Amino acid sequence: MLNFEYKNPTKIIFGKGQIAKLAQEVPADARVLMIYGGGSIKNNGVYDQVKNALASHKIYELGGVPANPEYDVLKRALDFIVEKDIDFLLAVGGGSVIDGTKFLSAAAGYDGDPWDILKKRVRTEEGEGMPFGTVLTLPATGSEMNSGYVISRKETGEKLSSGGPGLFPRFSILDPEVVRSIPPRQIANGIADAYMHVLEQYLTYPTGADLQDRFAESILLSLQQTAPKVMADETDFDYDAAANFMWCATMALNGLIAKGVPTDWATHSMGHELTALFGIDHARTLAIVAPSHYRYNFETKKAKLAQYAERVWSIHDGSIDEKAETAISKMEEFFRSLGIQTKLSEYTEDFAGTGEKVEAAFSSRGWDGLGEHRKLTPAEARIIIEMSY
């Protein structure tokens, strides 16, 4: 097991009816900016619950944060924060809204061009970000209990990440009842996103961190078993399945399973480029890239792939190579069972040349060593993308 440090200061408030506890968590004298997305919270009752809970607070609203939080939208929000002297942020939404809120938290007190926070990956240290909390409406990214975020910029065709210990939410409210109103496509995306978050921290190489591996495997197994239940018709809503799904997504990326083990994240880096180029849902880009990434890096990953086959898919027959290859196929089958295609050509006819574009983008940023071994080059990223056509 590798050396590690772990601290997660986010308070989790989980379960039915917990949105009512907002008033106890947001400072009474705060000037609050409530940030949300396209308006679904006004249809599913979450908006009214938040407003009722904060009826005695000074609260402003900012809606319209897109599915891939857009820099230009957030830049305008910064002006509003200054104008209204906002001192507390409240994200009400999924990962995109929470990520956008984290950027605003980091940028509100930043002295310089806000885009540099992402371009130069400026860390926000403890005490530097504007305080914020979240009300989660879409399980997927784990952003409600971690300190990282990703922002898109259409003007430059980039999708970049940053973070730091100053960007943990003060609290996050997780009410599984919200899953009842989430469209099936978004639920599928959430399951796939959480699943890939685990694989990025698990499918690397053995380090003897057995407990960490078991944590990861339990999340994968739970997601596999829960998926058909939460994908069922809305009239068959299963609260316990929704609760398990929501907690799996949070645990997948709150930092715990990454401790003592190497992590990869190359699939995410390549997937972000596909979203920037084609607007494909983030989770679906991961399903496109992951199989090719694991096949290209088969020799360095096959020990953990075989372990994944044995412990998660109960595949015990065959050689290490055979079990590892079967594991990749089973992963693809799982994504397809959610209605998620695993080839770029299934999303766009304009895929020719995508590998070269990804290679050029990585080279321009100096990303010469991705993956758990920090050896994956831009040229190899091109090959992996081309394998994904």
Protein backbone atom coordinates (compact mmCIF):
# COMPACT_ATOMS: atom_id res chain seq x y z
CA MET A 1 0.00 0.00 0.00
CA LEU A 2 1.29 3.49 -0.89
CA ASN A 3 1.70 6.27 1.66
CA PHE A 4 -1.24 8.66 1.90
CA GLU A 5 -2.97 11.45 3.77
CA TYR A 6 -6.74 11.74 3.92
CA LYS A 7 -9.04 14.52 5.04
CA ASN A 8 -12.60 15.10 3.92
CA PRO A 9 -14.36 17.91 5.79
CA THR A 10 -17.70 17.75 3.94
CA LYS A 11 -20.71 17.10 6.16
CA ILE A 12 -23.17 14.69 4.54
CA ILE A 13 -26.88 14.97 5.38
CA PHE A 14 -28.52 11.92 3.82
CA GLY A 15 -32.12 10.76 3.49
CA LYS A 16 -35.75 11.71 3.00
CA GLY A 17 -36.85 15.22 3.92
CA GLN A 18 -33.36 16.44 4.72
CA ILE A 19 -33.51 19.53 2.50
CA ALA A 20 -35.49 21.14 5.32
CA LYS A 21 -32.26 21.21 7.33
CA LEU A 22 -30.72 23.84 5.05
CA ALA A 23 -31.56 26.64 7.45
CA GLN A 24 -29.39 24.97 10.11
CA GLU A 25 -26.39 24.76 7.77
CA VAL A 26 -26.39 28.11 5.94
CA PRO A 27 -25.27 31.02 8.17
CA ALA A 28 -28.28 33.13 9.15
CA ASP A 29 -26.63 36.40 8.09
CA ALA A 30 -25.27 35.10 4.77
CA ARG A 31 -26.01 36.70 1.42
CA VAL A 32 -26.69 33.53 -0.53
CA LEU A 33 -26.48 32.89 -4.26
CA MET A 34 -28.51 29.81 -5.19
CA ILE A 35 -27.12 28.26 -8.38
CA TYR A 36 -28.98 25.73 -10.50
CA GLY A 37 -29.30 24.41 -14.04
CA GLY A 38 -32.06 24.22 -16.60
CA GLY A 39 -35.03 24.42 -14.27
CA SER A 40 -35.84 20.79 -13.53
CA ILE A 41 -35.70 21.60 -9.82
CA LYS A 42 -38.84 23.69 -10.31
CA ASN A 43 -40.68 20.66 -11.68
CA ASN A 44 -39.58 18.07 -9.14
CA GLY A 45 -40.27 20.13 -6.02
CA VAL A 46 -36.66 20.67 -4.96
CA TYR A 47 -36.76 24.40 -5.73
CA ASP A 48 -39.74 24.96 -3.44
CA GLN A 49 -38.15 22.87 -0.69
CA VAL A 50 -34.98 24.96 -0.83
CA LYS A 51 -36.85 28.27 -0.90
CA ASN A 52 -39.04 27.25 2.01
CA ALA A 53 -36.07 26.10 4.04
CA LEU A 54 -34.26 29.40 3.44
CA ALA A 55 -37.30 31.66 3.74
CA SER A 56 -35.59 33.73 6.43
CA HIS A 57 -32.33 34.12 4.49
CA LYS A 58 -31.26 36.75 1.98
CA ILE A 59 -31.13 34.68 -1.18
CA TYR A 60 -30.45 35.47 -4.84
CA GLU A 61 -30.77 33.07 -7.76
CA LEU A 62 -28.70 32.15 -10.80
CA GLY A 63 -30.17 29.54 -13.14
CA GLY A 64 -29.07 28.28 -16.52
CA VAL A 65 -25.79 26.53 -15.71
CA PRO A 66 -25.47 24.10 -18.67
CA ALA A 67 -24.75 20.38 -18.53
CA ASN A 68 -21.07 21.05 -19.17
CA PRO A 69 -20.57 24.17 -17.03
CA GLU A 70 -19.61 26.91 -19.46
CA TYR A 71 -16.93 29.42 -18.57
CA ASP A 72 -18.67 32.41 -20.19
CA VAL A 73 -21.84 31.77 -18.17
CA LEU A 74 -19.84 31.49 -14.96
CA LYS A 75 -17.78 34.57 -15.79
CA ARG A 76 -20.99 36.62 -15.89
CA ALA A 77 -21.98 35.09 -12.57
CA LEU A 78 -18.77 36.43 -11.03
CA ASP A 79 -19.90 39.96 -11.85
CA PHE A 80 -23.22 39.25 -10.14
CA ILE A 81 -21.43 37.97 -7.03
CA VAL A 82 -19.50 41.22 -6.78
CA GLU A 83 -22.57 43.36 -7.51
CA LYS A 84 -24.70 41.72 -4.81
CA ASP A 85 -21.87 41.24 -2.31
CA ILE A 86 -22.54 37.50 -2.14
CA ASP A 87 -20.68 35.65 0.61
CA PHE A 88 -22.18 32.12 0.47
CA LEU A 89 -22.93 29.88 -2.54
CA LEU A 90 -25.53 27.12 -2.69
CA ALA A 91 -25.40 24.62 -5.56
CA VAL A 92 -28.74 22.91 -6.20
CA GLY A 93 -28.21 20.36 -8.94
CA GLY A 94 -25.93 17.65 -10.25
CA GLY A 95 -22.21 17.57 -10.88
CA SER A 96 -22.22 20.32 -13.48
CA VAL A 97 -23.92 22.83 -11.18
CA ILE A 98 -21.68 21.84 -8.29
CA ASP A 99 -18.55 22.07 -10.46
CA GLY A 100 -19.61 25.50 -11.67
CA THR A 101 -20.14 26.56 -8.06
CA LYS A 102 -16.67 25.35 -7.13
CA PHE A 103 -15.19 27.44 -9.90
CA LEU A 104 -17.10 30.49 -8.65
CA SER A 105 -15.87 29.77 -5.14
CA ALA A 106 -12.27 29.67 -6.38
CA ALA A 107 -12.58 32.63 -8.75
CA ALA A 108 -14.47 35.02 -6.45
CA GLY A 109 -11.30 35.90 -4.54
CA TYR A 110 -8.75 35.21 -7.27
CA ASP A 111 -6.49 38.07 -8.30
CA GLY A 112 -6.03 37.63 -12.04
CA ASP A 113 -7.68 36.14 -15.10
CA PRO A 114 -10.15 33.51 -13.79
CA TRP A 115 -9.39 31.18 -16.71
CA ASP A 116 -5.81 30.89 -15.44
CA ILE A 117 -7.16 28.90 -12.50
CA LEU A 118 -7.96 26.14 -14.99
CA LYS A 119 -5.29 26.78 -17.61
CA LYS A 120 -2.53 26.74 -14.99
CA ARG A 121 -4.36 24.37 -12.62
CA VAL A 122 -4.13 26.80 -9.72
CA ARG A 123 -4.98 25.03 -6.45
CA THR A 124 -7.41 26.66 -4.06
CA GLU A 125 -6.01 26.14 -0.59
CA GLU A 126 -7.92 25.87 2.68
CA GLY A 127 -9.57 29.16 3.60
CA GLU A 128 -9.23 30.63 0.10
CA GLY A 129 -12.53 29.68 -1.55
CA MET A 130 -15.90 31.29 -0.89
CA PRO A 131 -17.89 28.94 1.38
CA PHE A 132 -20.61 26.87 -0.30
CA GLY A 133 -22.94 23.95 0.22
CA THR A 134 -24.83 21.65 -2.12
CA VAL A 135 -28.20 20.00 -2.56
CA LEU A 136 -27.60 17.05 -4.86
CA THR A 137 -30.24 16.31 -7.50
CA LEU A 138 -28.35 13.91 -9.81
CA PRO A 139 -26.00 11.22 -8.47
CA ALA A 140 -22.99 10.80 -10.77
CA THR A 141 -19.84 12.80 -10.26
CA GLY A 142 -19.19 12.67 -6.52
CA SER A 143 -18.59 16.42 -6.70
CA GLU A 144 -20.79 16.83 -3.61
CA MET A 145 -18.01 15.31 -1.46
CA ASN A 146 -14.76 16.16 -3.21
CA SER A 147 -12.75 19.25 -4.09
CA GLY A 148 -12.26 18.89 -7.85
CA TYR A 149 -14.18 20.36 -10.75
CA VAL A 150 -14.23 20.53 -14.56
CA ILE A 151 -15.22 23.55 -16.69
CA SER A 152 -15.79 23.87 -20.44
CA ARG A 153 -15.03 26.83 -22.69
CA LYS A 154 -16.69 26.74 -26.09
CA GLU A 155 -14.68 29.72 -27.35
CA THR A 156 -11.43 27.73 -27.17
CA GLY A 157 -12.83 24.19 -27.40
CA GLU A 158 -11.34 23.23 -24.03
CA LYS A 159 -12.57 21.27 -21.05
CA LEU A 160 -10.18 21.64 -18.11
CA SER A 161 -10.05 20.73 -14.44
CA SER A 162 -8.74 22.19 -11.22
CA GLY A 163 -9.45 21.98 -7.49
CA GLY A 164 -7.76 22.11 -4.11
CA PRO A 165 -8.49 21.55 -0.42
CA GLY A 166 -10.32 24.88 -0.18
CA LEU A 167 -13.10 23.58 -2.44
CA PHE A 168 -14.79 20.90 -0.37
CA PRO A 169 -18.47 21.75 0.19
CA ARG A 170 -19.22 22.75 3.78
CA PHE A 171 -22.17 20.37 3.60
CA SER A 172 -24.08 18.33 1.03
CA ILE A 173 -27.70 17.23 1.32
CA LEU A 174 -28.49 13.94 -0.42
CA ASP A 175 -32.16 13.01 -0.64
CA PRO A 176 -32.63 9.83 -2.72
CA GLU A 177 -36.23 10.85 -3.47
CA VAL A 178 -34.87 13.16 -6.21
CA VAL A 179 -33.92 10.08 -8.26
CA ARG A 180 -37.64 9.48 -8.81
CA SER A 181 -37.82 12.36 -11.33
CA ILE A 182 -34.51 11.85 -13.16
CA PRO A 183 -34.90 10.81 -16.85
CA PRO A 184 -33.54 7.32 -17.67
CA ARG A 185 -30.76 8.72 -19.88
CA GLN A 186 -29.39 10.78 -17.01
CA ILE A 187 -29.64 7.88 -14.59
CA ALA A 188 -27.69 5.72 -17.05
CA ASN A 189 -25.08 8.46 -17.34
CA GLY A 190 -24.83 8.73 -13.57
CA ILE A 191 -24.31 4.99 -13.13
CA ALA A 192 -21.67 4.88 -15.88
CA ASP A 193 -19.88 7.95 -14.54
CA ALA A 194 -19.69 6.56 -11.01
CA TYR A 195 -18.61 3.16 -12.33
CA MET A 196 -15.77 4.68 -14.32
CA HIS A 197 -14.67 6.81 -11.37
CA VAL A 198 -14.09 3.57 -9.50
CA LEU A 199 -12.29 1.90 -12.40
CA GLU A 200 -9.91 4.85 -12.79
CA GLN A 201 -8.79 4.25 -9.20
CA TYR A 202 -8.88 0.45 -9.37
CA LEU A 203 -7.67 -0.80 -12.77
CA THR A 204 -4.02 0.13 -12.41
CA TYR A 205 -1.54 -2.33 -10.84
CA PRO A 206 -1.45 -4.28 -7.56
CA THR A 207 -0.04 -2.54 -4.48
CA GLY A 208 -1.22 -4.89 -1.76
CA ALA A 209 -3.99 -2.48 -0.73
CA ASP A 210 -6.57 -5.21 -0.30
CA LEU A 211 -9.06 -3.19 1.75
CA GLN A 212 -9.03 -0.40 -0.85
CA ASP A 213 -9.59 -2.96 -3.60
CA ARG A 214 -12.50 -4.44 -1.67
CA PHE A 215 -14.02 -0.98 -1.18
CA ALA A 216 -13.81 -0.40 -4.95
CA GLU A 217 -15.17 -3.82 -5.84
CA SER A 218 -18.13 -3.41 -3.50
CA ILE A 219 -19.10 -0.15 -5.20
CA LEU A 220 -18.84 -1.78 -8.64
CA LEU A 221 -20.95 -4.75 -7.54
CA SER A 222 -23.55 -2.50 -5.94
CA LEU A 223 -23.84 -0.36 -9.07
CA GLN A 224 -24.24 -3.47 -11.24
CA GLN A 225 -26.96 -4.87 -8.99
CA THR A 226 -28.70 -1.53 -8.46
CA ALA A 227 -28.69 -0.41 -12.10
CA PRO A 228 -31.75 -2.36 -13.35
CA LYS A 229 -33.74 -1.30 -10.28
CA VAL A 230 -33.12 2.44 -10.70
CA MET A 231 -33.52 2.17 -14.49
CA ALA A 232 -37.00 0.66 -14.05
CA ASP A 233 -40.19 2.60 -14.81
CA GLU A 234 -40.86 5.58 -12.52
CA THR A 235 -44.02 3.90 -11.23
CA ASP A 236 -41.79 1.14 -9.79
CA PHE A 237 -39.59 3.57 -7.85
CA ASP A 238 -37.38 1.70 -5.39
CA TYR A 239 -36.20 4.05 -2.64
CA ASP A 240 -33.57 1.68 -1.31
CA ALA A 241 -32.09 1.20 -4.79
CA ALA A 242 -32.06 4.96 -5.30
CA ALA A 243 -30.33 5.43 -1.95
CA ASN A 244 -27.69 2.83 -2.80
CA PHE A 245 -27.11 4.42 -6.21
CA MET A 246 -26.74 7.89 -4.70
CA TRP A 247 -24.31 6.75 -1.99
CA CYS A 248 -22.28 4.68 -4.46
CA ALA A 249 -21.80 7.73 -6.68
CA THR A 250 -20.64 9.78 -3.70
CA MET A 251 -18.30 7.10 -2.35
CA ALA A 252 -16.85 6.50 -5.81
CA LEU A 253 -15.10 9.87 -5.81
CA ASN A 254 -14.82 11.28 -2.30
CA GLY A 255 -11.15 10.36 -2.09
CA LEU A 256 -11.44 7.29 0.11
CA ILE A 257 -10.87 4.49 -2.41
CA ALA A 258 -7.92 6.37 -3.96
CA LYS A 259 -5.84 6.28 -0.80
CA GLY A 260 -2.88 3.91 -0.78
CA VAL A 261 -3.27 3.02 -4.47
CA PRO A 262 -2.14 4.49 -7.82
CA THR A 263 -4.80 6.18 -9.95
CA ASP A 264 -5.12 6.55 -13.71
CA TRP A 265 -7.54 9.27 -15.02
CA ALA A 266 -6.27 9.05 -18.61
CA THR A 267 -9.71 7.86 -19.73
CA HIS A 268 -11.21 11.02 -18.24
CA SER A 269 -8.65 13.25 -19.95
CA MET A 270 -9.39 11.70 -23.34
CA GLY A 271 -13.12 11.65 -22.70
CA HIS A 272 -13.14 15.37 -21.91
CA GLU A 273 -11.76 16.02 -25.39
CA LEU A 274 -14.63 14.11 -27.00
CA THR A 275 -17.13 16.20 -25.05
CA ALA A 276 -15.35 19.39 -26.09
CA LEU A 277 -15.26 18.32 -29.76
CA PHE A 278 -18.69 16.71 -30.17
CA GLY A 279 -20.79 17.60 -27.12
CA ILE A 280 -21.17 13.93 -26.18
CA ASP A 281 -22.34 13.33 -22.62
CA HIS A 282 -19.34 12.98 -20.31
CA ALA A 283 -20.23 9.51 -19.04
CA ARG A 284 -20.68 8.24 -22.59
CA THR A 285 -17.25 9.47 -23.63
CA LEU A 286 -15.79 7.37 -20.82
CA ALA A 287 -17.61 4.30 -22.12
CA ILE A 288 -16.16 5.03 -25.56
CA VAL A 289 -12.56 5.41 -24.44
CA ALA A 290 -12.19 2.94 -21.56
CA PRO A 291 -12.26 -0.38 -23.49
CA SER A 292 -9.59 0.80 -25.93
CA HIS A 293 -7.51 2.32 -23.13
CA TYR A 294 -7.48 -0.98 -21.25
CA ARG A 295 -6.73 -3.00 -24.37
CA TYR A 296 -3.90 -0.69 -25.41
CA ASN A 297 -2.36 -0.87 -21.92
CA PHE A 298 -3.24 -4.53 -21.48
CA GLU A 299 0.17 -5.76 -20.33
CA THR A 300 0.50 -3.25 -17.49
CA LYS A 301 -3.11 -3.59 -16.38
CA LYS A 302 -3.87 -7.28 -16.89
CA ALA A 303 -3.23 -8.30 -13.28
CA LYS A 304 -5.90 -5.93 -11.98
CA LEU A 305 -8.17 -6.66 -14.95
CA ALA A 306 -8.04 -10.35 -14.09
CA GLN A 307 -8.77 -9.54 -10.44
CA TYR A 308 -11.73 -7.43 -11.59
CA ALA A 309 -12.95 -10.41 -13.63
CA GLU A 310 -12.70 -12.76 -10.66
CA ARG A 311 -14.05 -10.59 -7.85
CA VAL A 312 -16.65 -8.50 -9.68
CA TRP A 313 -17.79 -10.77 -12.52
CA SER A 314 -17.11 -14.19 -10.89
CA ILE A 315 -14.95 -15.31 -13.80
CA HIS A 316 -12.48 -17.89 -12.50
CA ASP A 317 -11.66 -20.05 -15.52
CA GLY A 318 -8.84 -19.35 -17.96
CA SER A 319 -5.44 -17.71 -17.90
CA ILE A 320 -4.74 -14.22 -16.56
CA ASP A 321 -4.82 -12.90 -20.13
CA GLU A 322 -8.12 -14.61 -20.89
CA LYS A 323 -9.76 -13.38 -17.70
CA ALA A 324 -8.46 -9.84 -18.29
CA GLU A 325 -9.86 -9.72 -21.82
CA THR A 326 -13.19 -11.13 -20.64
CA ALA A 327 -13.33 -8.43 -17.97
CA ILE A 328 -13.09 -5.70 -20.63
CA SER A 329 -15.87 -7.36 -22.61
CA LYS A 330 -18.08 -7.64 -19.52
CA MET A 331 -17.52 -3.95 -18.79
CA GLU A 332 -18.63 -3.09 -22.35
CA GLU A 333 -21.69 -5.30 -21.95
CA PHE A 334 -22.58 -3.50 -18.73
CA PHE A 335 -22.44 -0.09 -20.40
CA ARG A 336 -24.55 -1.35 -23.28
CA SER A 337 -27.09 -2.77 -20.83
CA LEU A 338 -27.60 0.85 -19.73
CA GLY A 339 -28.26 1.91 -23.33
CA ILE A 340 -24.80 3.46 -23.68
CA GLN A 341 -22.87 2.86 -26.92
CA THR A 342 -19.14 2.20 -26.70
CA LYS A 343 -17.83 3.36 -30.09
CA LEU A 344 -17.30 6.96 -31.22
CA SER A 345 -18.76 6.14 -34.65
CA GLU A 346 -22.08 5.38 -32.91
CA TYR A 347 -22.31 9.03 -31.83
CA THR A 348 -20.98 10.94 -34.84
CA GLU A 349 -20.13 10.42 -38.49
CA ASP A 350 -17.40 13.05 -38.21
CA PHE A 351 -14.99 10.94 -36.17
CA ALA A 352 -12.18 10.89 -38.75
CA GLY A 353 -9.18 12.85 -37.50
CA THR A 354 -10.34 12.91 -33.87
CA GLY A 355 -7.23 11.08 -32.71
CA GLU A 356 -5.00 13.71 -34.26
CA LYS A 357 -7.00 16.49 -32.61
CA VAL A 358 -6.67 14.88 -29.20
CA GLU A 359 -2.93 14.38 -29.72
CA ALA A 360 -2.52 18.05 -30.72
CA ALA A 361 -4.51 19.26 -27.70
CA PHE A 362 -2.48 17.15 -25.27
CA SER A 363 0.80 18.20 -26.88
CA SER A 364 -0.11 21.89 -26.69
CA ARG A 365 -0.69 21.54 -22.94
CA GLY A 366 2.46 19.55 -22.33
CA TRP A 367 0.51 16.48 -21.20
CA ASP A 368 3.33 14.05 -21.88
CA GLY A 369 2.77 11.57 -19.07
CA LEU A 370 -0.80 10.49 -18.28
CA GLY A 371 -1.99 7.34 -16.54
CA GLU A 372 -0.84 5.61 -13.36
CA HIS A 373 2.73 5.29 -14.66
CA ARG A 374 2.80 8.87 -15.98
CA LYS A 375 4.04 7.52 -19.32
CA LEU A 376 1.05 7.75 -21.67
CA THR A 377 2.05 10.20 -24.42
CA PRO A 378 -0.13 12.35 -26.70
CA ALA A 379 0.75 10.03 -29.60
CA GLU A 380 -0.51 7.05 -27.60
CA ALA A 381 -3.69 8.94 -26.75
CA ARG A 382 -4.24 9.35 -30.50
CA ILE A 383 -3.91 5.59 -31.01
CA ILE A 384 -6.38 4.86 -28.20
CA ILE A 385 -8.92 7.28 -29.64
CA GLU A 386 -8.51 5.73 -33.07
CA MET A 387 -9.08 2.29 -31.53
CA SER A 388 -12.35 3.71 -30.16
CA TYR A 389 -13.81 4.64 -33.56
